[in-house]
């Protein structure tokens, strides 16, 4: 995505992604690893349709 994209282009880019699952292992429990290797509590599993690839992402809070 870039700053010069219009609303239609942004909608198309967002539509390429599907949220598969959100995992939460609880307070003080950080068993998940991001694509970058960071260990954290929450994990978001998303799929990119055009790439046909699944990513395991985390949120640092």
PDB file of N, CA and C in Angstrom:
ATOM      1  N   UNK A   1       0.833  -1.167   0.000  1.00  0.00           N
ATOM      2  CA  UNK A   1       0.000   0.000   0.000  1.00  0.00           C
ATOM      3  C   UNK A   1       0.885   1.239   0.000  1.00  0.00           C
ATOM      4  N   UNK A   2       0.409   2.233  -0.707  1.00  0.00           N
ATOM      5  CA  UNK A   2       1.127   3.498  -0.756  1.00  0.00           C
ATOM      6  C   UNK A   2       0.170   4.648  -0.482  1.00  0.00           C
ATOM      7  N   UNK A   3       0.716   5.808  -0.181  1.00  0.00           N
ATOM      8  CA  UNK A   3      -0.093   6.984   0.145  1.00  0.00           C
ATOM      9  C   UNK A   3      -0.923   7.477  -1.031  1.00  0.00           C
ATOM     10  N   UNK A   4      -0.489   7.191  -2.245  1.00  0.00           N
ATOM     11  CA  UNK A   4      -1.199   7.704  -3.414  1.00  0.00           C
ATOM     12  C   UNK A   4      -2.312   6.775  -3.908  1.00  0.00           C
ATOM     13  N   UNK A   5      -2.596   5.707  -3.190  1.00  0.00           N
ATOM     14  CA  UNK A   5      -3.662   4.788  -3.592  1.00  0.00           C
ATOM     15  C   UNK A   5      -5.027   5.395  -3.259  1.00  0.00           C
ATOM     16  N   UNK A   6      -6.003   5.225  -4.190  1.00  0.00           N
ATOM     17  CA  UNK A   6      -7.346   5.717  -3.906  1.00  0.00           C
ATOM     18  C   UNK A   6      -8.110   4.658  -3.104  1.00  0.00           C
ATOM     19  N   UNK A   7      -9.319   4.993  -2.696  1.00  0.00           N
ATOM     20  CA  UNK A   7     -10.109   4.091  -1.846  1.00  0.00           C
ATOM     21  C   UNK A   7     -10.371   2.740  -2.504  1.00  0.00           C
ATOM     22  N   UNK A   8     -10.608   2.725  -3.788  1.00  0.00           N
ATOM     23  CA  UNK A   8     -10.862   1.466  -4.498  1.00  0.00           C
ATOM     24  C   UNK A   8      -9.625   0.572  -4.493  1.00  0.00           C
ATOM     25  N   UNK A   9      -8.468   1.161  -4.724  1.00  0.00           N
ATOM     26  CA  UNK A   9      -7.218   0.396  -4.705  1.00  0.00           C
ATOM     27  C   UNK A   9      -6.928  -0.143  -3.312  1.00  0.00           C
ATOM     28  N   UNK A  10      -7.185   0.674  -2.284  1.00  0.00           N
ATOM     29  CA  UNK A  10      -6.986   0.218  -0.905  1.00  0.00           C
ATOM     30  C   UNK A  10      -7.922  -0.941  -0.577  1.00  0.00           C
ATOM     31  N   UNK A  11      -9.177  -0.847  -0.993  1.00  0.00           N
ATOM     32  CA  UNK A  11     -10.145  -1.917  -0.735  1.00  0.00           C
ATOM     33  C   UNK A  11      -9.704  -3.216  -1.396  1.00  0.00           C
ATOM     34  N   UNK A  12      -9.194  -3.132  -2.613  1.00  0.00           N
ATOM     35  CA  UNK A  12      -8.712  -4.331  -3.309  1.00  0.00           C
ATOM     36  C   UNK A  12      -7.525  -4.949  -2.570  1.00  0.00           C
ATOM     37  N   UNK A  13      -6.617  -4.116  -2.084  1.00  0.00           N
ATOM     38  CA  UNK A  13      -5.441  -4.611  -1.364  1.00  0.00           C
ATOM     39  C   UNK A  13      -5.848  -5.288  -0.067  1.00  0.00           C
ATOM     40  N   UNK A  14      -6.800  -4.715   0.647  1.00  0.00           N
ATOM     41  CA  UNK A  14      -7.263  -5.287   1.915  1.00  0.00           C
ATOM     42  C   UNK A  14      -8.014  -6.595   1.670  1.00  0.00           C
ATOM     43  N   UNK A  15      -8.758  -6.662   0.571  1.00  0.00           N
ATOM     44  CA  UNK A  15      -9.531  -7.864   0.263  1.00  0.00           C
ATOM     45  C   UNK A  15      -8.663  -9.083  -0.017  1.00  0.00           C
ATOM     46  N   UNK A  16      -7.377  -8.876  -0.259  1.00  0.00           N
ATOM     47  CA  UNK A  16      -6.463  -9.997  -0.503  1.00  0.00           C
ATOM     48  C   UNK A  16      -6.157 -10.780   0.773  1.00  0.00           C
ATOM     49  N   UNK A  17      -6.474 -10.203   1.942  1.00  0.00           N
ATOM     50  CA  UNK A  17      -6.141 -10.802   3.226  1.00  0.00           C
ATOM     51  C   UNK A  17      -7.361 -11.399   3.907  1.00  0.00           C
ATOM     52  N   UNK A  18      -7.181 -12.557   4.537  1.00  0.00           N
ATOM     53  CA  UNK A  18      -8.241 -13.206   5.315  1.00  0.00           C
ATOM     54  C   UNK A  18      -7.705 -13.485   6.712  1.00  0.00           C
ATOM     55  N   UNK A  19      -8.449 -13.041   7.727  1.00  0.00           N
ATOM     56  CA  UNK A  19      -8.112 -13.362   9.109  1.00  0.00           C
ATOM     57  C   UNK A  19      -8.633 -14.761   9.395  1.00  0.00           C
ATOM     58  N   UNK A  20      -7.735 -15.692   9.669  1.00  0.00           N
ATOM     59  CA  UNK A  20      -8.095 -17.085   9.891  1.00  0.00           C
ATOM     60  C   UNK A  20      -8.430 -17.339  11.352  1.00  0.00           C
ATOM     61  N   UNK A  21      -7.588 -16.816  12.249  1.00  0.00           N
ATOM     62  CA  UNK A  21      -7.768 -17.114  13.670  1.00  0.00           C
ATOM     63  C   UNK A  21      -6.991 -16.119  14.530  1.00  0.00           C
ATOM     64  N   UNK A  22      -7.513 -15.859  15.735  1.00  0.00           N
ATOM     65  CA  UNK A  22      -6.814 -15.059  16.737  1.00  0.00           C
ATOM     66  C   UNK A  22      -6.616 -15.959  17.956  1.00  0.00           C
ATOM     67  N   UNK A  23      -5.371 -16.096  18.403  1.00  0.00           N
ATOM     68  CA  UNK A  23      -5.057 -16.928  19.554  1.00  0.00           C
ATOM     69  C   UNK A  23      -4.564 -16.061  20.701  1.00  0.00           C
ATOM     70  N   UNK A  24      -5.035 -16.347  21.916  1.00  0.00           N
ATOM     71  CA  UNK A  24      -4.637 -15.611  23.118  1.00  0.00           C
ATOM     72  C   UNK A  24      -4.297 -16.642  24.185  1.00  0.00           C
ATOM     73  N   UNK A  25      -3.065 -16.648  24.638  1.00  0.00           N
ATOM     74  CA  UNK A  25      -2.632 -17.637  25.622  1.00  0.00           C
ATOM     75  C   UNK A  25      -2.627 -17.107  27.041  1.00  0.00           C
ATOM     76  N   UNK A  26      -3.194 -15.920  27.278  1.00  0.00           N
ATOM     77  CA  UNK A  26      -3.341 -15.434  28.635  1.00  0.00           C
ATOM     78  C   UNK A  26      -2.193 -14.569  29.116  1.00  0.00           C
ATOM     79  N   UNK A  27      -2.479 -13.895  30.206  1.00  0.00           N
ATOM     80  CA  UNK A  27      -1.521 -12.976  30.816  1.00  0.00           C
ATOM     81  C   UNK A  27      -0.256 -13.716  31.266  1.00  0.00           C
ATOM     82  N   UNK A  28       0.878 -13.115  31.003  1.00  0.00           N
ATOM     83  CA  UNK A  28       2.199 -13.644  31.391  1.00  0.00           C
ATOM     84  C   UNK A  28       2.560 -14.978  30.731  1.00  0.00           C
ATOM     85  N   UNK A  29       1.846 -15.333  29.697  1.00  0.00           N
ATOM     86  CA  UNK A  29       2.141 -16.556  28.959  1.00  0.00           C
ATOM     87  C   UNK A  29       2.381 -16.155  27.509  1.00  0.00           C
ATOM     88  N   UNK A  30       3.584 -16.350  27.005  1.00  0.00           N
ATOM     89  CA  UNK A  30       3.953 -15.875  25.674  1.00  0.00           C
ATOM     90  C   UNK A  30       4.557 -16.996  24.813  1.00  0.00           C
ATOM     91  N   UNK A  31       3.720 -17.969  24.444  1.00  0.00           N
ATOM     92  CA  UNK A  31       4.253 -19.109  23.706  1.00  0.00           C
ATOM     93  C   UNK A  31       4.378 -18.893  22.202  1.00  0.00           C
ATOM     94  N   UNK A  32       3.786 -17.817  21.683  1.00  0.00           N
ATOM     95  CA  UNK A  32       3.754 -17.637  20.226  1.00  0.00           C
ATOM     96  C   UNK A  32       4.979 -16.895  19.721  1.00  0.00           C
ATOM     97  N   UNK A  33       5.324 -17.172  18.462  1.00  0.00           N
ATOM     98  CA  UNK A  33       6.440 -16.497  17.820  1.00  0.00           C
ATOM     99  C   UNK A  33       5.940 -15.857  16.533  1.00  0.00           C
ATOM    100  N   UNK A  34       6.382 -14.614  16.334  1.00  0.00           N
ATOM    101  CA  UNK A  34       6.070 -13.869  15.122  1.00  0.00           C
ATOM    102  C   UNK A  34       6.974 -14.373  13.987  1.00  0.00           C
ATOM    103  N   UNK A  35       6.666 -13.948  12.772  1.00  0.00           N
ATOM    104  CA  UNK A  35       7.538 -14.254  11.636  1.00  0.00           C
ATOM    105  C   UNK A  35       8.963 -13.761  11.907  1.00  0.00           C
ATOM    106  N   UNK A  36       9.094 -12.698  12.726  1.00  0.00           N
ATOM    107  CA  UNK A  36      10.406 -12.136  13.042  1.00  0.00           C
ATOM    108  C   UNK A  36      11.095 -12.877  14.187  1.00  0.00           C
ATOM    109  N   UNK A  37      10.375 -13.798  14.852  1.00  0.00           N
ATOM    110  CA  UNK A  37      10.955 -14.577  15.934  1.00  0.00           C
ATOM    111  C   UNK A  37      10.625 -14.081  17.330  1.00  0.00           C
ATOM    112  N   UNK A  38       9.988 -12.921  17.440  1.00  0.00           N
ATOM    113  CA  UNK A  38       9.651 -12.358  18.748  1.00  0.00           C
ATOM    114  C   UNK A  38       8.574 -13.208  19.438  1.00  0.00           C
ATOM    115  N   UNK A  39       8.751 -13.455  20.725  1.00  0.00           N
ATOM    116  CA  UNK A  39       7.821 -14.266  21.499  1.00  0.00           C
ATOM    117  C   UNK A  39       6.792 -13.362  22.179  1.00  0.00           C
ATOM    118  N   UNK A  40       5.506 -13.620  21.927  1.00  0.00           N
ATOM    119  CA  UNK A  40       4.458 -12.766  22.479  1.00  0.00           C
ATOM    120  C   UNK A  40       3.180 -13.542  22.787  1.00  0.00           C
ATOM    121  N   UNK A  41       2.247 -12.852  23.456  1.00  0.00           N
ATOM    122  CA  UNK A  41       1.008 -13.470  23.950  1.00  0.00           C
ATOM    123  C   UNK A  41      -0.027 -13.734  22.848  1.00  0.00           C
ATOM    124  N   UNK A  42      -0.311 -12.743  22.018  1.00  0.00           N
ATOM    125  CA  UNK A  42      -1.358 -12.855  21.000  1.00  0.00           C
ATOM    126  C   UNK A  42      -0.774 -13.263  19.660  1.00  0.00           C
ATOM    127  N   UNK A  43      -1.503 -14.091  18.931  1.00  0.00           N
ATOM    128  CA  UNK A  43      -1.075 -14.463  17.588  1.00  0.00           C
ATOM    129  C   UNK A  43      -2.261 -14.333  16.637  1.00  0.00           C
ATOM    130  N   UNK A  44      -2.026 -13.670  15.513  1.00  0.00           N
ATOM    131  CA  UNK A  44      -3.034 -13.493  14.478  1.00  0.00           C
ATOM    132  C   UNK A  44      -2.589 -14.305  13.268  1.00  0.00           C
ATOM    133  N   UNK A  45      -3.414 -15.233  12.861  1.00  0.00           N
ATOM    134  CA  UNK A  45      -3.090 -16.057  11.706  1.00  0.00           C
ATOM    135  C   UNK A  45      -3.883 -15.505  10.529  1.00  0.00           C
ATOM    136  N   UNK A  46      -3.155 -15.049   9.507  1.00  0.00           N
ATOM    137  CA  UNK A  46      -3.777 -14.450   8.334  1.00  0.00           C
ATOM    138  C   UNK A  46      -3.268 -15.131   7.069  1.00  0.00           C
ATOM    139  N   UNK A  47      -4.111 -15.131   6.054  1.00  0.00           N
ATOM    140  CA  UNK A  47      -3.734 -15.699   4.763  1.00  0.00           C
ATOM    141  C   UNK A  47      -3.825 -14.617   3.699  1.00  0.00           C
ATOM    142  N   UNK A  48      -2.826 -14.576   2.822  1.00  0.00           N
ATOM    143  CA  UNK A  48      -2.840 -13.660   1.684  1.00  0.00           C
ATOM    144  C   UNK A  48      -3.240 -14.493   0.468  1.00  0.00           C
ATOM    145  N   UNK A  49      -4.410 -14.171  -0.088  1.00  0.00           N
ATOM    146  CA  UNK A  49      -4.973 -14.973  -1.183  1.00  0.00           C
ATOM    147  C   UNK A  49      -4.091 -15.026  -2.418  1.00  0.00           C
ATOM    148  N   UNK A  50      -3.603 -13.875  -2.870  1.00  0.00           N
ATOM    149  CA  UNK A  50      -2.819 -13.854  -4.114  1.00  0.00           C
ATOM    150  C   UNK A  50      -1.500 -14.601  -3.971  1.00  0.00           C
ATOM    151  N   UNK A  51      -0.890 -14.544  -2.792  1.00  0.00           N
ATOM    152  CA  UNK A  51       0.373 -15.247  -2.550  1.00  0.00           C
ATOM    153  C   UNK A  51       0.143 -16.693  -2.135  1.00  0.00           C
ATOM    154  N   UNK A  52      -1.095 -17.003  -1.740  1.00  0.00           N
ATOM    155  CA  UNK A  52      -1.434 -18.333  -1.216  1.00  0.00           C
ATOM    156  C   UNK A  52      -0.473 -18.708  -0.079  1.00  0.00           C
ATOM    157  N   UNK A  53      -0.280 -17.744   0.843  1.00  0.00           N
ATOM    158  CA  UNK A  53       0.656 -17.939   1.943  1.00  0.00           C
ATOM    159  C   UNK A  53      -0.007 -17.529   3.255  1.00  0.00           C
ATOM    160  N   UNK A  54       0.270 -18.274   4.326  1.00  0.00           N
ATOM    161  CA  UNK A  54      -0.250 -17.979   5.650  1.00  0.00           C
ATOM    162  C   UNK A  54       0.854 -17.392   6.504  1.00  0.00           C
ATOM    163  N   UNK A  55       0.506 -16.339   7.251  1.00  0.00           N
ATOM    164  CA  UNK A  55       1.449 -15.660   8.128  1.00  0.00           C
ATOM    165  C   UNK A  55       0.954 -15.769   9.568  1.00  0.00           C
ATOM    166  N   UNK A  56       1.874 -15.915  10.498  1.00  0.00           N
ATOM    167  CA  UNK A  56       1.573 -15.929  11.927  1.00  0.00           C
ATOM    168  C   UNK A  56       2.198 -14.677  12.510  1.00  0.00           C
ATOM    169  N   UNK A  57       1.341 -13.717  12.847  1.00  0.00           N
ATOM    170  CA  UNK A  57       1.785 -12.410  13.322  1.00  0.00           C
ATOM    171  C   UNK A  57       1.409 -12.243  14.775  1.00  0.00           C
ATOM    172  N   UNK A  58       2.096 -11.359  15.464  1.00  0.00           N
ATOM    173  CA  UNK A  58       1.803 -11.135  16.884  1.00  0.00           C
ATOM    174  C   UNK A  58       1.633  -9.652  17.153  1.00  0.00           C
ATOM    175  N   UNK A  59       1.025  -9.346  18.295  1.00  0.00           N
ATOM    176  CA  UNK A  59       0.841  -7.978  18.735  1.00  0.00           C
ATOM    177  C   UNK A  59       1.601  -7.787  20.031  1.00  0.00           C
ATOM    178  N   UNK A  60       2.411  -6.760  20.094  1.00  0.00           N
ATOM    179  CA  UNK A  60       3.128  -6.494  21.340  1.00  0.00           C
ATOM    180  C   UNK A  60       2.370  -5.446  22.130  1.00  0.00           C
ATOM    181  N   UNK A  61       1.885  -5.853  23.276  1.00  0.00           N
ATOM    182  CA  UNK A  61       1.153  -4.943  24.167  1.00  0.00           C
ATOM    183  C   UNK A  61       1.758  -4.955  25.539  1.00  0.00           C
TER     184      UNK A  61
END
